[in-house]
Amino acid sequence: MSSPLDAKYIASLSLHNPNHFDVQNAQTLHRLVLLDHWKIPTGSRLLELGCGQGDCTTVLASASGEQGEVVAVDPAGSDYGSPYTLGQAQHHISQGPLGKRITWVQQSPLDYLSSLTPSDSTLGSKRFDAAVLAHCLWYFSSPSLILDTLRALKQHTKCLLLAEWSLVATHPSAQPHVLAALTQAALECRKPTSTSNVRTVLSPRRVTELALAAGWQLESEARVQPTEGLLDGQWEVYACLSPSFANEVEDAVNNERERGVVYALRDACEASLEGVQGGRQGVRAMDVWTATFI
């Protein structure tokens, strides 16, 4: 990158509530911090898996520049998401100045990778300079699906850039976020299918093991402590402690011992709020793990 990227400008390109611009700006600022660790050159051809509403897509498209390209893939339907759907958010970005740099693909990552022709990766040339998976690994339905996806990526990209919640809370006010994520994972793993945004929780160590098994080599890694404006921790705690969550536990977990584990985690999450100034509204997001594999 030849010059620093303007967070507020990039954030303004995403569909957002003008009365709560600070929420979108915090998400963009966080992705720019990740970008500092990934060091993506201008003109890069990027593949983003699990792009969602495009919070990271706009940052990647800005970093890659006018000569760059971002193929943004997500398996969710266009009506998925809140307060704006993926369809609404992606369409809005496409109508803006970054639209020509981005190609949206509604397909599972593995299906998309399988659709690429063999000629894309022959003679030592890879279709993409880097593949980015930012805060999407927990959406995968199983570790084995992540492994298969990372293996498939080896054929089409030179570099693998990852970012995911670390399950570490350097700041004490982030501990409820860790417990909320583990509580939701304990419930979701007992469902035949899940539509939650916490489906398969893996620590950085386990993700690294999967990447190594897929043939990647770890080049660098770091842990980032998010700013106070990132509200993901609050959102997950609210979801965990909501009455609807308890109803889901009763419906989905039949074994009383397993149900006891889920409730114990939920109780621990709630108890951890006693040490947080401001209670639920004072919860911070946990640390984020970021890594580069080659």
Protein backbone atom coordinates (compact mmCIF):
# COMPACT_ATOMS: atom_id res chain seq x y z
CA MET A 1 0.00 0.00 0.00
CA SER A 2 1.42 3.33 -1.02
CA SER A 3 -0.57 5.39 1.49
CA PRO A 4 -2.63 4.75 4.64
CA LEU A 5 -6.23 3.76 4.05
CA ASP A 6 -9.01 6.03 5.33
CA ALA A 7 -11.13 4.00 7.76
CA LYS A 8 -14.04 6.42 7.87
CA TYR A 9 -14.22 6.62 4.07
CA ILE A 10 -14.13 2.85 3.67
CA ALA A 11 -16.73 2.39 6.41
CA SER A 12 -19.01 4.89 4.68
CA LEU A 13 -19.10 2.63 1.60
CA SER A 14 -20.86 -0.14 3.54
CA LEU A 15 -24.59 -0.15 4.18
CA HIS A 16 -25.06 1.23 7.68
CA ASN A 17 -27.35 3.22 9.94
CA PRO A 18 -26.09 6.83 9.84
CA ASN A 19 -27.11 7.24 13.47
CA HIS A 20 -24.73 4.42 14.44
CA PHE A 21 -21.84 5.03 12.08
CA ASP A 22 -19.38 4.38 14.91
CA VAL A 23 -20.42 0.70 14.89
CA GLN A 24 -19.51 0.27 11.23
CA ASN A 25 -16.37 2.37 11.63
CA ALA A 26 -15.14 0.13 14.46
CA GLN A 27 -15.58 -2.96 12.28
CA THR A 28 -13.58 -1.31 9.50
CA LEU A 29 -10.85 -0.13 11.84
CA HIS A 30 -10.48 -3.68 13.15
CA ARG A 31 -10.05 -5.07 9.62
CA LEU A 32 -7.42 -2.42 8.89
CA VAL A 33 -5.48 -3.63 11.94
CA LEU A 34 -5.60 -7.15 10.53
CA LEU A 35 -4.40 -5.78 7.19
CA ASP A 36 -1.30 -4.38 8.88
CA HIS A 37 -0.35 -7.94 9.83
CA TRP A 38 -1.16 -9.44 6.43
CA LYS A 39 0.76 -6.86 4.35
CA ILE A 40 -1.21 -7.25 1.12
CA PRO A 41 0.52 -5.60 -1.88
CA THR A 42 -1.34 -3.28 -4.25
CA GLY A 43 -2.62 -5.10 -7.32
CA SER A 44 -3.22 -8.39 -5.50
CA ARG A 45 -5.79 -10.91 -6.65
CA LEU A 46 -7.62 -11.94 -3.49
CA LEU A 47 -10.10 -14.65 -2.62
CA GLU A 48 -12.19 -13.98 0.48
CA LEU A 49 -14.12 -16.91 1.92
CA GLY A 50 -16.98 -16.17 4.30
CA CYS A 51 -17.30 -12.56 3.20
CA GLY A 52 -20.70 -12.01 4.80
CA GLN A 53 -21.94 -8.44 4.41
CA GLY A 54 -18.56 -7.23 3.22
CA ASP A 55 -16.97 -5.67 6.32
CA CYS A 56 -13.60 -7.09 5.32
CA THR A 57 -14.29 -7.08 1.57
CA THR A 58 -14.25 -3.31 1.34
CA VAL A 59 -10.92 -3.15 3.18
CA LEU A 60 -9.41 -5.82 0.91
CA ALA A 61 -10.68 -4.08 -2.22
CA SER A 62 -9.24 -0.78 -1.00
CA ALA A 63 -5.89 -2.38 -0.22
CA SER A 64 -5.60 -4.20 -3.55
CA GLY A 65 -6.16 -0.96 -5.46
CA GLU A 66 -7.62 -0.25 -8.88
CA GLN A 67 -5.59 -3.04 -10.48
CA GLY A 68 -6.57 -5.53 -7.80
CA GLU A 69 -9.40 -8.05 -7.65
CA VAL A 70 -11.46 -9.53 -4.82
CA VAL A 71 -13.64 -12.58 -5.28
CA ALA A 72 -15.88 -12.65 -2.20
CA VAL A 73 -17.57 -15.99 -1.48
CA ASP A 74 -20.27 -16.78 1.07
CA PRO A 75 -22.70 -19.74 1.24
CA ALA A 76 -25.51 -17.82 2.95
CA GLY A 77 -28.58 -16.75 1.00
CA SER A 78 -29.16 -13.16 0.00
CA ASP A 79 -31.88 -12.87 2.68
CA TYR A 80 -29.54 -13.88 5.53
CA GLY A 81 -28.35 -11.32 8.04
CA SER A 82 -29.52 -8.50 10.28
CA PRO A 83 -30.18 -5.57 10.44
CA TYR A 84 -29.31 -5.69 6.73
CA THR A 85 -29.30 -8.85 4.63
CA LEU A 86 -26.28 -10.03 2.67
CA GLY A 87 -28.08 -9.17 -0.54
CA GLN A 88 -28.76 -5.60 0.56
CA ALA A 89 -25.27 -5.02 1.94
CA GLN A 90 -23.43 -6.51 -1.02
CA HIS A 91 -25.59 -4.67 -3.56
CA HIS A 92 -24.93 -1.38 -1.79
CA ILE A 93 -21.15 -1.92 -1.94
CA SER A 94 -21.37 -2.92 -5.61
CA GLN A 95 -23.00 0.40 -6.44
CA GLY A 96 -20.10 2.32 -4.89
CA PRO A 97 -16.57 3.11 -6.07
CA LEU A 98 -15.21 -0.32 -5.08
CA GLY A 99 -17.87 -2.25 -6.98
CA LYS A 100 -15.76 -2.95 -10.07
CA ARG A 101 -13.06 -4.59 -7.98
CA ILE A 102 -15.38 -7.08 -6.27
CA THR A 103 -17.10 -10.22 -7.56
CA TRP A 104 -19.69 -11.67 -5.17
CA VAL A 105 -20.26 -15.44 -5.22
CA GLN A 106 -23.12 -17.13 -3.37
CA GLN A 107 -21.74 -20.64 -2.99
CA SER A 108 -20.09 -22.80 -0.37
CA PRO A 109 -16.31 -22.26 -0.31
CA LEU A 110 -15.58 -25.89 -1.15
CA ASP A 111 -18.05 -25.92 -4.05
CA TYR A 112 -16.58 -22.72 -5.43
CA LEU A 113 -13.02 -24.07 -5.22
CA SER A 114 -14.16 -27.28 -6.91
CA SER A 115 -15.62 -25.23 -9.75
CA LEU A 116 -12.27 -23.67 -10.65
CA THR A 117 -10.66 -25.27 -13.68
CA PRO A 118 -7.33 -27.11 -13.35
CA SER A 119 -5.70 -24.61 -15.69
CA ASP A 120 -6.05 -21.96 -12.99
CA SER A 121 -3.17 -23.48 -11.06
CA THR A 122 -0.92 -25.12 -13.68
CA LEU A 123 2.72 -24.37 -14.44
CA GLY A 124 3.27 -23.05 -10.94
CA SER A 125 0.89 -20.13 -11.43
CA LYS A 126 -1.89 -19.68 -8.89
CA ARG A 127 -5.16 -17.92 -9.63
CA PHE A 128 -5.04 -15.88 -6.39
CA ASP A 129 -2.19 -14.16 -4.58
CA ALA A 130 -3.86 -14.75 -1.23
CA ALA A 131 -6.95 -16.30 0.31
CA VAL A 132 -8.50 -14.51 3.29
CA LEU A 133 -10.70 -16.08 5.97
CA ALA A 134 -11.54 -13.37 8.49
CA HIS A 135 -13.87 -14.22 11.38
CA CYS A 136 -15.59 -16.98 9.42
CA LEU A 137 -13.98 -20.22 10.61
CA TRP A 138 -16.50 -20.61 13.43
CA TYR A 139 -19.28 -20.64 10.81
CA PHE A 140 -18.01 -23.91 9.30
CA SER A 141 -20.07 -26.94 10.26
CA SER A 142 -17.09 -29.09 11.31
CA PRO A 143 -13.28 -29.17 11.62
CA SER A 144 -13.15 -31.72 8.79
CA LEU A 145 -14.87 -29.25 6.44
CA ILE A 146 -12.29 -26.61 7.36
CA LEU A 147 -9.51 -29.11 6.65
CA ASP A 148 -10.96 -30.00 3.25
CA THR A 149 -11.31 -26.31 2.40
CA LEU A 150 -7.74 -25.49 3.39
CA ARG A 151 -6.50 -28.41 1.30
CA ALA A 152 -8.47 -27.22 -1.71
CA LEU A 153 -7.07 -23.72 -1.32
CA LYS A 154 -3.53 -25.02 -1.81
CA GLN A 155 -4.28 -25.54 -5.50
CA HIS A 156 -5.41 -21.97 -6.15
CA THR A 157 -3.62 -19.51 -3.88
CA LYS A 158 -0.06 -18.67 -2.89
CA CYS A 159 -0.83 -17.50 0.62
CA LEU A 160 -3.39 -18.08 3.38
CA LEU A 161 -4.40 -15.19 5.65
CA LEU A 162 -6.50 -16.04 8.71
CA ALA A 163 -8.13 -14.09 11.52
CA GLU A 164 -10.37 -15.52 14.22
CA TRP A 165 -11.31 -14.98 17.85
CA SER A 166 -8.50 -16.34 20.01
CA LEU A 167 -10.45 -17.51 23.10
CA VAL A 168 -8.06 -15.31 25.10
CA ALA A 169 -9.19 -12.25 27.06
CA THR A 170 -6.22 -10.01 27.82
CA HIS A 171 -8.63 -7.38 29.10
CA PRO A 172 -10.76 -8.74 32.00
CA SER A 173 -13.89 -7.17 30.50
CA ALA A 174 -13.53 -9.50 27.51
CA GLN A 175 -13.83 -12.69 29.59
CA PRO A 176 -17.65 -12.82 29.21
CA HIS A 177 -17.18 -12.89 25.43
CA VAL A 178 -14.97 -15.98 25.72
CA LEU A 179 -17.50 -17.74 27.93
CA ALA A 180 -20.43 -16.73 25.72
CA ALA A 181 -18.72 -18.21 22.67
CA LEU A 182 -17.95 -21.48 24.45
CA THR A 183 -21.51 -21.65 25.80
CA GLN A 184 -23.03 -21.22 22.34
CA ALA A 185 -20.63 -23.77 20.89
CA ALA A 186 -21.61 -26.28 23.57
CA LEU A 187 -25.23 -25.92 22.45
CA GLU A 188 -24.71 -25.79 18.70
CA CYS A 189 -22.52 -28.91 18.55
CA ARG A 190 -25.48 -30.86 19.90
CA LYS A 191 -27.76 -29.83 17.03
CA PRO A 192 -27.91 -31.80 13.76
CA THR A 193 -27.61 -28.51 11.87
CA SER A 194 -26.86 -24.98 13.01
CA THR A 195 -27.56 -21.49 11.69
CA SER A 196 -25.72 -19.77 14.53
CA ASN A 197 -22.64 -17.64 13.96
CA VAL A 198 -20.88 -19.82 16.54
CA ARG A 199 -21.02 -23.35 15.15
CA THR A 200 -17.51 -24.83 15.34
CA VAL A 201 -15.24 -23.22 17.92
CA LEU A 202 -11.56 -23.90 17.39
CA SER A 203 -8.60 -22.35 19.19
CA PRO A 204 -5.67 -20.93 17.20
CA ARG A 205 -3.67 -24.05 18.07
CA ARG A 206 -6.31 -26.32 16.53
CA VAL A 207 -6.70 -24.14 13.43
CA THR A 208 -2.92 -24.20 12.97
CA GLU A 209 -2.94 -27.99 13.23
CA LEU A 210 -5.56 -28.16 10.48
CA ALA A 211 -3.59 -25.78 8.25
CA LEU A 212 -0.40 -27.79 8.71
CA ALA A 213 -2.28 -31.01 7.95
CA ALA A 214 -3.55 -29.36 4.75
CA GLY A 215 0.02 -28.69 3.61
CA TRP A 216 0.47 -25.06 4.68
CA GLN A 217 3.44 -23.67 6.61
CA LEU A 218 3.02 -21.05 9.32
CA GLU A 219 4.97 -17.92 8.41
CA SER A 220 3.81 -15.55 11.15
CA GLU A 221 1.12 -15.08 13.77
CA ALA A 222 0.06 -12.46 16.29
CA ARG A 223 -2.65 -11.70 18.80
CA VAL A 224 -4.55 -8.44 18.49
CA GLN A 225 -6.48 -6.79 21.31
CA PRO A 226 -9.54 -5.09 19.76
CA THR A 227 -10.56 -1.55 20.53
CA GLU A 228 -13.50 -0.78 22.82
CA GLY A 229 -15.74 0.13 19.90
CA LEU A 230 -15.92 -3.44 18.58
CA LEU A 231 -19.26 -4.73 19.89
CA ASP A 232 -19.03 -8.42 19.00
CA GLY A 233 -18.46 -9.37 22.63
CA GLN A 234 -21.62 -7.60 23.75
CA TRP A 235 -23.65 -9.15 20.95
CA GLU A 236 -22.56 -12.69 21.84
CA VAL A 237 -23.18 -12.20 25.55
CA TYR A 238 -26.69 -10.88 24.88
CA ALA A 239 -27.38 -13.91 22.65
CA CYS A 240 -26.07 -16.33 25.27
CA LEU A 241 -28.08 -14.86 28.14
CA SER A 242 -31.32 -14.31 26.23
CA PRO A 243 -34.44 -16.30 27.23
CA SER A 244 -34.58 -17.78 23.72
CA PHE A 245 -31.19 -19.40 24.30
CA ALA A 246 -32.51 -21.25 27.33
CA ASN A 247 -35.48 -22.42 25.26
CA GLU A 248 -33.10 -23.77 22.63
CA VAL A 249 -31.19 -25.70 25.30
CA GLU A 250 -34.38 -27.38 26.47
CA ASP A 251 -35.36 -28.26 22.91
CA ALA A 252 -31.98 -29.42 21.60
CA VAL A 253 -30.22 -31.07 24.54
CA ASN A 254 -31.98 -34.19 25.82
CA ASN A 255 -29.24 -35.64 28.00
CA GLU A 256 -29.47 -34.07 31.45
CA ARG A 257 -25.70 -34.16 32.03
CA GLU A 258 -25.01 -32.45 28.73
CA ARG A 259 -27.72 -29.91 29.46
CA GLY A 260 -26.04 -29.26 32.80
CA VAL A 261 -22.75 -28.47 31.05
CA VAL A 262 -24.38 -25.91 28.76
CA TYR A 263 -26.18 -24.24 31.66
CA ALA A 264 -22.99 -24.23 33.76
CA LEU A 265 -21.15 -22.39 31.01
CA ARG A 266 -24.05 -19.96 30.65
CA ASP A 267 -24.06 -19.33 34.40
CA ALA A 268 -20.30 -18.73 34.33
CA CYS A 269 -20.79 -16.19 31.56
CA GLU A 270 -23.43 -14.37 33.56
CA ALA A 271 -21.35 -14.47 36.75
CA SER A 272 -18.33 -13.04 34.93
CA LEU A 273 -20.32 -9.84 34.29
CA GLU A 274 -20.05 -9.00 38.00
CA GLY A 275 -16.48 -7.89 37.42
CA VAL A 276 -17.30 -5.79 34.36
CA GLN A 277 -17.98 -2.11 34.88
CA GLY A 278 -21.28 -1.35 33.17
CA GLY A 279 -22.36 -5.00 33.07
CA ARG A 280 -23.31 -6.28 29.63
CA GLN A 281 -22.74 -2.90 28.03
CA GLY A 282 -19.20 -2.85 29.37
CA VAL A 283 -18.18 -6.14 27.74
CA ARG A 284 -15.24 -5.90 25.36
CA ALA A 285 -14.38 -8.22 22.50
CA MET A 286 -11.80 -10.92 23.18
CA ASP A 287 -8.35 -10.93 21.55
CA VAL A 288 -8.11 -11.86 17.87
CA TRP A 289 -5.58 -14.30 16.43
CA THR A 290 -4.18 -13.47 13.03
CA ALA A 291 -1.83 -15.64 10.98
CA THR A 292 -0.12 -15.94 7.62
CA PHE A 293 0.52 -19.33 6.05
CA ILE A 294 2.49 -20.08 2.88
